[in-house]
Amino acid sequence: MKKQLPRLPLLVISGASGAGKSAVYQTLSGKMNEVVMLEGDLIWRPEFDKPETKYRDFFETWLRICRDISQSGRPVVMFNAGMGVPENIEPCAGRQYFSKVYYLALVCDDDVLADRLRQRPERRNCSDPEYIKGQIQFNQWLKNEGPQVEPPVELIDTTGIVLEETAKLVTSWIRGKMGEVAKKNH
């Protein structure tokens, strides 16, 4: 008889470029043993750049990776902008392997986001006005639409807080979701 694999939750931390995802990821890496944290851009390749398919191959690949890692008994926390849009994840075949997907987005004021992007090193190509405009639009979508979609995207506004405080809020969110899961399983 085939053993039933556990279905753990998947936690996704999203946000426009400049909202703080990578900084929080770097701050928390190695500090939360109860979960496995991954940075979504790690496997990005030009073959995934297919907007006509809504980047489905990228999302399906990550869901398979997250599924295999979660089989170790520790849930995955994925840091990636596009994975934080439920319509990108919920219809995927790989979604079935998770008991639930929780979504959190880091957001900030648009002028703060634009300033953060302009301050990045030139090699990151983040100061292009069209790039900034696109990131501001995504940031606005997350703030205005994210909490209304199903499942909802919860928000943390990073505008007036330092990185350490943002990291504490994200840690609290992760542990809160894990507490919800533990309560349901008992």
C-alpha atoms as a PDB file:
ATOM      1  CA  MET A   1       0.000   0.000   0.000  1.00  0.00           C
ATOM      2  CA  LYS A   2       1.324   3.392  -1.015  1.00  0.00           C
ATOM      3  CA  LYS A   3       2.089   5.730   1.879  1.00  0.00           C
ATOM      4  CA  GLN A   4       0.078   8.967   1.907  1.00  0.00           C
ATOM      5  CA  LEU A   5       2.461  11.915   1.785  1.00  0.00           C
ATOM      6  CA  PRO A   6       1.751  14.779   4.179  1.00  0.00           C
ATOM      7  CA  ARG A   7       0.135  17.884   2.730  1.00  0.00           C
ATOM      8  CA  LEU A   8       1.702  20.839   4.493  1.00  0.00           C
ATOM      9  CA  PRO A   9       0.890  24.483   3.843  1.00  0.00           C
ATOM     10  CA  LEU A  10       2.914  26.667   1.519  1.00  0.00           C
ATOM     11  CA  LEU A  11       3.622  30.212   2.644  1.00  0.00           C
ATOM     12  CA  VAL A  12       4.315  32.818  -0.041  1.00  0.00           C
ATOM     13  CA  ILE A  13       5.867  36.205   0.610  1.00  0.00           C
ATOM     14  CA  SER A  14       5.455  38.593  -2.274  1.00  0.00           C
ATOM     15  CA  GLY A  15       5.773  42.254  -3.119  1.00  0.00           C
ATOM     16  CA  ALA A  16       6.938  44.538  -5.867  1.00  0.00           C
ATOM     17  CA  SER A  17      10.633  44.880  -6.480  1.00  0.00           C
ATOM     18  CA  GLY A  18      11.912  47.252  -3.795  1.00  0.00           C
ATOM     19  CA  ALA A  19       9.262  46.425  -1.193  1.00  0.00           C
ATOM     20  CA  GLY A  20      11.710  44.414   0.937  1.00  0.00           C
ATOM     21  CA  LYS A  21      11.352  40.712   0.036  1.00  0.00           C
ATOM     22  CA  SER A  22      15.021  39.985  -0.583  1.00  0.00           C
ATOM     23  CA  ALA A  23      16.180  41.994   2.415  1.00  0.00           C
ATOM     24  CA  VAL A  24      13.780  40.123   4.717  1.00  0.00           C
ATOM     25  CA  TYR A  25      14.764  36.795   3.157  1.00  0.00           C
ATOM     26  CA  GLN A  26      18.450  37.524   3.802  1.00  0.00           C
ATOM     27  CA  THR A  27      17.715  38.681   7.354  1.00  0.00           C
ATOM     28  CA  LEU A  28      15.700  35.557   8.223  1.00  0.00           C
ATOM     29  CA  SER A  29      17.773  32.951   6.371  1.00  0.00           C
ATOM     30  CA  GLY A  30      19.046  30.337   8.801  1.00  0.00           C
ATOM     31  CA  LYS A  31      17.068  31.751  11.730  1.00  0.00           C
ATOM     32  CA  MET A  32      13.799  29.810  11.449  1.00  0.00           C
ATOM     33  CA  ASN A  33      14.379  26.073  11.698  1.00  0.00           C
ATOM     34  CA  GLU A  34      10.682  25.197  11.605  1.00  0.00           C
ATOM     35  CA  VAL A  35      10.409  26.143   7.905  1.00  0.00           C
ATOM     36  CA  VAL A  36      12.522  26.042   4.764  1.00  0.00           C
ATOM     37  CA  MET A  37      12.881  29.456   3.112  1.00  0.00           C
ATOM     38  CA  LEU A  38      13.517  29.767  -0.609  1.00  0.00           C
ATOM     39  CA  GLU A  39      14.153  32.703  -2.945  1.00  0.00           C
ATOM     40  CA  GLY A  40      12.040  32.326  -6.086  1.00  0.00           C
ATOM     41  CA  ASP A  41      14.444  33.985  -8.500  1.00  0.00           C
ATOM     42  CA  LEU A  42      16.964  31.214  -7.829  1.00  0.00           C
ATOM     43  CA  ILE A  43      15.815  29.075 -10.768  1.00  0.00           C
ATOM     44  CA  TRP A  44      14.665  31.802 -13.163  1.00  0.00           C
ATOM     45  CA  ARG A  45      15.820  31.136 -16.719  1.00  0.00           C
ATOM     46  CA  PRO A  46      14.928  32.753 -20.065  1.00  0.00           C
ATOM     47  CA  GLU A  47      12.880  29.651 -20.954  1.00  0.00           C
ATOM     48  CA  PHE A  48      10.402  30.630 -18.215  1.00  0.00           C
ATOM     49  CA  ASP A  49       9.841  34.126 -19.632  1.00  0.00           C
ATOM     50  CA  LYS A  50       6.533  33.321 -21.314  1.00  0.00           C
ATOM     51  CA  PRO A  51       3.895  35.909 -20.416  1.00  0.00           C
ATOM     52  CA  GLU A  52       1.529  34.307 -22.939  1.00  0.00           C
ATOM     53  CA  THR A  53       1.289  31.261 -20.608  1.00  0.00           C
ATOM     54  CA  LYS A  54       1.256  33.461 -17.484  1.00  0.00           C
ATOM     55  CA  TYR A  55       4.669  31.947 -16.622  1.00  0.00           C
ATOM     56  CA  ARG A  56       2.938  28.651 -15.761  1.00  0.00           C
ATOM     57  CA  ASP A  57       6.068  26.490 -16.260  1.00  0.00           C
ATOM     58  CA  PHE A  58       7.948  28.618 -13.719  1.00  0.00           C
ATOM     59  CA  PHE A  59       5.188  28.331 -11.120  1.00  0.00           C
ATOM     60  CA  GLU A  60       4.643  24.598 -11.702  1.00  0.00           C
ATOM     61  CA  THR A  61       8.378  23.938 -11.383  1.00  0.00           C
ATOM     62  CA  TRP A  62       8.526  25.801  -8.081  1.00  0.00           C
ATOM     63  CA  LEU A  63       5.455  23.995  -6.763  1.00  0.00           C
ATOM     64  CA  ARG A  64       7.110  20.628  -7.514  1.00  0.00           C
ATOM     65  CA  ILE A  65      10.297  21.741  -5.742  1.00  0.00           C
ATOM     66  CA  CYS A  66       8.316  23.033  -2.748  1.00  0.00           C
ATOM     67  CA  ARG A  67       6.299  19.796  -2.634  1.00  0.00           C
ATOM     68  CA  ASP A  68       9.431  17.664  -2.537  1.00  0.00           C
ATOM     69  CA  ILE A  69      11.036  19.805   0.157  1.00  0.00           C
ATOM     70  CA  SER A  70       7.886  19.814   2.293  1.00  0.00           C
ATOM     71  CA  GLN A  71       7.939  16.020   2.302  1.00  0.00           C
ATOM     72  CA  SER A  72      10.765  16.388   4.827  1.00  0.00           C
ATOM     73  CA  GLY A  73       8.107  17.546   7.291  1.00  0.00           C
ATOM     74  CA  ARG A  74       8.935  21.258   7.213  1.00  0.00           C
ATOM     75  CA  PRO A  75       6.738  23.734   5.325  1.00  0.00           C
ATOM     76  CA  VAL A  76       8.254  25.965   2.668  1.00  0.00           C
ATOM     77  CA  VAL A  77       8.221  29.759   2.752  1.00  0.00           C
ATOM     78  CA  MET A  78       8.657  31.052  -0.801  1.00  0.00           C
ATOM     79  CA  PHE A  79       9.844  34.610  -1.425  1.00  0.00           C
ATOM     80  CA  ASN A  80       8.792  35.607  -4.949  1.00  0.00           C
ATOM     81  CA  ALA A  81       6.777  38.423  -6.506  1.00  0.00           C
ATOM     82  CA  GLY A  82       4.645  36.480  -8.990  1.00  0.00           C
ATOM     83  CA  MET A  83       3.919  33.579  -6.679  1.00  0.00           C
ATOM     84  CA  GLY A  84       2.152  36.039  -4.406  1.00  0.00           C
ATOM     85  CA  VAL A  85      -0.699  36.441  -6.867  1.00  0.00           C
ATOM     86  CA  PRO A  86      -3.199  33.676  -6.065  1.00  0.00           C
ATOM     87  CA  GLU A  87      -4.450  33.424  -9.653  1.00  0.00           C
ATOM     88  CA  ASN A  88      -0.897  32.408 -10.645  1.00  0.00           C
ATOM     89  CA  ILE A  89      -0.777  29.534  -8.119  1.00  0.00           C
ATOM     90  CA  GLU A  90      -4.274  28.303  -7.311  1.00  0.00           C
ATOM     91  CA  PRO A  91      -5.012  26.868 -10.822  1.00  0.00           C
ATOM     92  CA  CYS A  92      -1.663  25.028 -11.038  1.00  0.00           C
ATOM     93  CA  ALA A  93      -1.574  21.237 -10.970  1.00  0.00           C
ATOM     94  CA  GLY A  94       1.077  21.408  -8.225  1.00  0.00           C
ATOM     95  CA  ARG A  95      -1.256  23.319  -5.908  1.00  0.00           C
ATOM     96  CA  GLN A  96      -2.981  20.060  -4.909  1.00  0.00           C
ATOM     97  CA  TYR A  97       0.058  18.982  -2.897  1.00  0.00           C
ATOM     98  CA  PHE A  98      -0.431  21.688  -0.248  1.00  0.00           C
ATOM     99  CA  SER A  99      -3.092  21.779   2.436  1.00  0.00           C
ATOM    100  CA  LYS A 100      -3.353  25.538   2.003  1.00  0.00           C
ATOM    101  CA  VAL A 101      -1.401  28.391   0.470  1.00  0.00           C
ATOM    102  CA  TYR A 102      -1.028  31.511   2.586  1.00  0.00           C
ATOM    103  CA  TYR A 103      -0.152  34.773   0.857  1.00  0.00           C
ATOM    104  CA  LEU A 104       1.603  37.805   2.326  1.00  0.00           C
ATOM    105  CA  ALA A 105       2.768  40.870   0.401  1.00  0.00           C
ATOM    106  CA  LEU A 106       5.218  43.518   1.480  1.00  0.00           C
ATOM    107  CA  VAL A 107       4.033  46.888   0.200  1.00  0.00           C
ATOM    108  CA  CYS A 108       5.045  50.528   0.658  1.00  0.00           C
ATOM    109  CA  ASP A 109       4.186  54.007  -0.531  1.00  0.00           C
ATOM    110  CA  ASP A 110       4.774  54.429  -4.264  1.00  0.00           C
ATOM    111  CA  ASP A 111       7.313  57.248  -3.869  1.00  0.00           C
ATOM    112  CA  VAL A 112       9.279  55.167  -1.350  1.00  0.00           C
ATOM    113  CA  LEU A 113       9.256  52.204  -3.757  1.00  0.00           C
ATOM    114  CA  ALA A 114      10.497  54.395  -6.630  1.00  0.00           C
ATOM    115  CA  ASP A 115      13.276  55.849  -4.438  1.00  0.00           C
ATOM    116  CA  ARG A 116      14.394  52.388  -3.323  1.00  0.00           C
ATOM    117  CA  LEU A 117      14.578  51.200  -6.936  1.00  0.00           C
ATOM    118  CA  ARG A 118      16.549  54.270  -8.060  1.00  0.00           C
ATOM    119  CA  GLN A 119      19.063  53.717  -5.228  1.00  0.00           C
ATOM    120  CA  ARG A 120      19.907  50.188  -6.349  1.00  0.00           C
ATOM    121  CA  PRO A 121      23.238  49.545  -8.061  1.00  0.00           C
ATOM    122  CA  GLU A 122      23.270  50.317 -11.786  1.00  0.00           C
ATOM    123  CA  ARG A 123      23.955  46.644 -12.626  1.00  0.00           C
ATOM    124  CA  ARG A 124      20.453  45.737 -11.370  1.00  0.00           C
ATOM    125  CA  ASN A 125      18.778  47.878 -14.053  1.00  0.00           C
ATOM    126  CA  CYS A 126      16.048  49.074 -11.688  1.00  0.00           C
ATOM    127  CA  SER A 127      16.100  52.794 -12.403  1.00  0.00           C
ATOM    128  CA  ASP A 128      14.420  52.635 -15.815  1.00  0.00           C
ATOM    129  CA  PRO A 129      11.201  54.706 -15.623  1.00  0.00           C
ATOM    130  CA  GLU A 130       9.140  51.953 -17.291  1.00  0.00           C
ATOM    131  CA  TYR A 131      10.437  49.351 -14.841  1.00  0.00           C
ATOM    132  CA  ILE A 132       9.601  51.619 -11.903  1.00  0.00           C
ATOM    133  CA  LYS A 133       6.140  52.289 -13.348  1.00  0.00           C
ATOM    134  CA  GLY A 134       5.470  48.542 -13.622  1.00  0.00           C
ATOM    135  CA  GLN A 135       6.592  47.913 -10.054  1.00  0.00           C
ATOM    136  CA  ILE A 136       4.411  50.751  -8.764  1.00  0.00           C
ATOM    137  CA  GLN A 137       1.428  49.271 -10.635  1.00  0.00           C
ATOM    138  CA  PHE A 138       2.055  45.857  -9.051  1.00  0.00           C
ATOM    139  CA  ASN A 139       2.474  47.482  -5.633  1.00  0.00           C
ATOM    140  CA  GLN A 140      -0.861  49.280  -6.100  1.00  0.00           C
ATOM    141  CA  TRP A 141      -2.551  46.063  -7.234  1.00  0.00           C
ATOM    142  CA  LEU A 142      -1.330  44.267  -4.131  1.00  0.00           C
ATOM    143  CA  LYS A 143      -2.591  47.060  -1.865  1.00  0.00           C
ATOM    144  CA  ASN A 144      -5.947  47.538  -3.583  1.00  0.00           C
ATOM    145  CA  GLU A 145      -6.846  44.079  -4.888  1.00  0.00           C
ATOM    146  CA  GLY A 146      -4.719  41.626  -2.895  1.00  0.00           C
ATOM    147  CA  PRO A 147      -6.886  41.593   0.241  1.00  0.00           C
ATOM    148  CA  GLN A 148     -10.029  41.185  -1.933  1.00  0.00           C
ATOM    149  CA  VAL A 149      -8.949  38.109  -3.935  1.00  0.00           C
ATOM    150  CA  GLU A 150      -9.550  34.531  -2.825  1.00  0.00           C
ATOM    151  CA  PRO A 151      -7.550  33.411  -1.005  1.00  0.00           C
ATOM    152  CA  PRO A 152      -6.687  36.891   0.246  1.00  0.00           C
ATOM    153  CA  VAL A 153      -3.224  38.409   0.235  1.00  0.00           C
ATOM    154  CA  GLU A 154      -2.366  39.825   3.647  1.00  0.00           C
ATOM    155  CA  LEU A 155      -0.224  42.977   3.709  1.00  0.00           C
ATOM    156  CA  ILE A 156       2.667  44.423   5.673  1.00  0.00           C
ATOM    157  CA  ASP A 157       3.456  48.057   4.875  1.00  0.00           C
ATOM    158  CA  THR A 158       7.230  48.581   5.007  1.00  0.00           C
ATOM    159  CA  THR A 159       7.067  52.353   4.397  1.00  0.00           C
ATOM    160  CA  GLY A 160       7.963  53.688   7.818  1.00  0.00           C
ATOM    161  CA  ILE A 161       9.659  50.748   9.483  1.00  0.00           C
ATOM    162  CA  VAL A 162      13.226  49.485   9.530  1.00  0.00           C
ATOM    163  CA  LEU A 163      14.260  46.126   8.122  1.00  0.00           C
ATOM    164  CA  GLU A 164      14.555  44.476  11.547  1.00  0.00           C
ATOM    165  CA  GLU A 165      10.940  45.405  12.356  1.00  0.00           C
ATOM    166  CA  THR A 166       9.736  44.125   8.984  1.00  0.00           C
ATOM    167  CA  ALA A 167      11.593  40.853   9.620  1.00  0.00           C
ATOM    168  CA  LYS A 168       9.908  40.551  13.043  1.00  0.00           C
ATOM    169  CA  LEU A 169       6.483  41.113  11.483  1.00  0.00           C
ATOM    170  CA  VAL A 170       7.159  38.506   8.791  1.00  0.00           C
ATOM    171  CA  THR A 171       8.425  36.042  11.413  1.00  0.00           C
ATOM    172  CA  SER A 172       5.284  36.617  13.444  1.00  0.00           C
ATOM    173  CA  TRP A 173       3.121  36.061  10.360  1.00  0.00           C
ATOM    174  CA  ILE A 174       4.916  32.798   9.513  1.00  0.00           C
ATOM    175  CA  ARG A 175       4.672  31.494  13.072  1.00  0.00           C
ATOM    176  CA  GLY A 176       1.036  32.570  13.279  1.00  0.00           C
ATOM    177  CA  LYS A 177       0.173  30.575  10.169  1.00  0.00           C
ATOM    178  CA  MET A 178       2.081  27.552  11.506  1.00  0.00           C
ATOM    179  CA  GLY A 179       0.095  27.892  14.762  1.00  0.00           C
ATOM    180  CA  GLU A 180      -3.167  27.849  12.778  1.00  0.00           C
ATOM    181  CA  VAL A 181      -2.048  24.656  11.060  1.00  0.00           C
ATOM    182  CA  ALA A 182      -1.069  23.032  14.379  1.00  0.00           C
ATOM    183  CA  LYS A 183      -4.492  23.864  15.887  1.00  0.00           C
ATOM    184  CA  LYS A 184      -6.317  22.344  12.907  1.00  0.00           C
ATOM    185  CA  ASN A 185      -4.284  19.137  13.147  1.00  0.00           C
ATOM    186  CA  HIS A 186      -5.096  18.533  16.831  1.00  0.00           C
END
